[in-house]
Amino acid sequence: MKIKNRLDYRKRRHLRIRKKIVGSAACPRMCVSVSRRHMCVQFLDDLCGRTLAACSTVQAPDAGHNLETAKQLGARAAEAARACGIIQAVFDRGGHAYHGRIKVIADAAREAGIKL
């Protein structure tokens, strides 16, 4: 029998979430990916399989992985989405718990004008 670790459980939670939410061109899926070094936000149209807008900390060389960086990332992602005409999105936390950096990214996007 295979020993399961935290990553296996997170992937399973993500699949369970993905069964319920689907992004479209009118209301894309705001997918948040968080690792130990970087954070990434994408606005995805699942019906066409396209990325409409994206933003990450990989582009900034001195970006950390703390709450302040997460707040800036959420605001930059919302600006990129608004530039593409996106005003409403479905939030996909990627199987992560809704606290810490995930929550800060979502709150910053809401403050910048994206309806989640």
Protein backbone atom coordinates (compact mmCIF):
# COMPACT_ATOMS: atom_id res chain seq x y z
CA MET A 1 0.00 0.00 0.00
CA LYS A 2 1.31 3.44 -0.92
CA ILE A 3 2.04 5.88 1.87
CA LYS A 4 0.31 9.17 1.18
CA ASN A 5 1.89 12.49 1.95
CA ARG A 6 0.63 16.07 2.08
CA LEU A 7 1.10 16.60 -1.65
CA ASP A 8 -1.07 13.58 -2.48
CA TYR A 9 -3.84 14.84 -0.23
CA ARG A 10 -3.60 18.36 -1.72
CA LYS A 11 -3.86 16.99 -5.26
CA ARG A 12 -6.90 14.99 -4.26
CA ARG A 13 -8.56 18.08 -2.74
CA HIS A 14 -7.75 20.03 -5.90
CA LEU A 15 -9.44 17.42 -8.10
CA ARG A 16 -12.48 17.50 -5.83
CA ILE A 17 -12.66 21.29 -6.16
CA ARG A 18 -12.13 21.19 -9.93
CA LYS A 19 -15.15 18.95 -10.40
CA LYS A 20 -17.33 21.76 -9.08
CA ILE A 21 -15.91 24.91 -10.69
CA VAL A 22 -15.45 25.69 -14.36
CA GLY A 23 -14.21 28.91 -15.87
CA SER A 24 -15.62 30.45 -19.05
CA ALA A 25 -14.79 33.50 -21.11
CA ALA A 26 -17.42 35.55 -19.27
CA CYS A 27 -16.41 34.30 -15.81
CA PRO A 28 -12.93 32.73 -15.90
CA ARG A 29 -11.32 30.62 -13.20
CA MET A 30 -8.76 32.48 -11.08
CA CYS A 31 -6.27 29.72 -10.35
CA VAL A 32 -3.74 30.34 -7.57
CA SER A 33 -0.59 28.25 -7.37
CA VAL A 34 1.73 28.59 -4.38
CA SER A 35 5.09 26.92 -3.89
CA ARG A 36 7.88 27.47 -1.40
CA ARG A 37 9.61 30.03 -3.63
CA HIS A 38 6.98 31.53 -5.92
CA MET A 39 3.29 32.31 -6.34
CA CYS A 40 1.34 32.38 -9.58
CA VAL A 41 -2.15 33.59 -10.51
CA GLN A 42 -3.84 32.72 -13.81
CA PHE A 43 -7.22 33.58 -15.24
CA LEU A 44 -8.29 30.54 -17.27
CA ASP A 45 -11.06 29.84 -19.75
CA ASP A 46 -11.64 26.10 -19.29
CA LEU A 47 -14.09 25.81 -22.19
CA CYS A 48 -11.47 26.91 -24.73
CA GLY A 49 -8.43 25.82 -22.73
CA ARG A 50 -6.80 29.26 -22.81
CA THR A 51 -5.01 31.45 -20.31
CA LEU A 52 -6.59 34.91 -20.48
CA ALA A 53 -4.26 36.71 -18.05
CA ALA A 54 -1.44 35.65 -15.75
CA CYS A 55 0.89 37.10 -13.16
CA SER A 56 3.56 35.58 -10.95
CA THR A 57 6.46 36.35 -8.66
CA VAL A 58 8.89 34.69 -11.08
CA GLN A 59 8.92 37.91 -13.10
CA ALA A 60 10.18 39.93 -10.13
CA PRO A 61 13.76 38.95 -9.23
CA ASP A 62 13.65 40.15 -5.60
CA ALA A 63 10.13 38.94 -4.78
CA GLY A 64 9.77 36.89 -1.65
CA HIS A 65 7.00 34.58 -0.63
CA ASN A 66 5.49 36.52 2.27
CA LEU A 67 2.09 38.14 2.79
CA GLU A 68 3.17 41.54 1.44
CA THR A 69 4.31 39.97 -1.82
CA ALA A 70 1.05 38.02 -2.00
CA LYS A 71 -0.91 41.27 -1.63
CA GLN A 72 1.07 42.91 -4.43
CA LEU A 73 0.62 39.83 -6.62
CA GLY A 74 -3.15 39.86 -6.11
CA ALA A 75 -3.33 43.53 -7.07
CA ARG A 76 -1.11 43.02 -10.16
CA ALA A 77 -3.16 40.00 -11.24
CA ALA A 78 -6.38 42.00 -10.90
CA GLU A 79 -4.90 44.81 -13.00
CA ALA A 80 -3.88 42.32 -15.70
CA ALA A 81 -7.37 40.82 -15.64
CA ARG A 82 -9.07 44.21 -15.83
CA ALA A 83 -6.87 45.07 -18.83
CA CYS A 84 -8.28 41.98 -20.57
CA GLY A 85 -11.85 42.96 -19.68
CA ILE A 86 -12.34 40.50 -16.82
CA ILE A 87 -14.46 41.83 -13.96
CA GLN A 88 -15.74 38.59 -12.45
CA ALA A 89 -14.00 35.28 -11.78
CA VAL A 90 -14.39 31.98 -9.95
CA PHE A 91 -11.68 31.45 -7.31
CA ASP A 92 -9.70 28.20 -7.42
CA ARG A 93 -7.46 27.80 -4.37
CA GLY A 94 -5.70 24.77 -5.85
CA GLY A 95 -6.37 22.43 -2.94
CA HIS A 96 -4.62 24.73 -0.47
CA ALA A 97 -6.31 25.90 2.72
CA TYR A 98 -7.98 29.31 2.41
CA HIS A 99 -5.72 31.23 4.78
CA GLY A 100 -2.39 32.99 4.69
CA ARG A 101 -1.05 33.82 1.23
CA ILE A 102 -4.06 32.32 -0.59
CA LYS A 103 -6.50 34.50 1.34
CA VAL A 104 -4.36 37.63 0.93
CA ILE A 105 -4.20 37.14 -2.85
CA ALA A 106 -7.99 36.78 -3.04
CA ASP A 107 -8.61 39.82 -0.82
CA ALA A 108 -6.20 41.97 -2.85
CA ALA A 109 -7.93 40.95 -6.08
CA ARG A 110 -11.30 41.88 -4.56
CA GLU A 111 -9.96 45.27 -3.44
CA ALA A 112 -8.67 45.89 -6.97
CA GLY A 113 -12.16 45.36 -8.41
CA ILE A 114 -12.46 41.67 -9.34
CA LYS A 115 -15.65 39.96 -8.13
CA LEU A 116 -14.91 36.52 -6.73
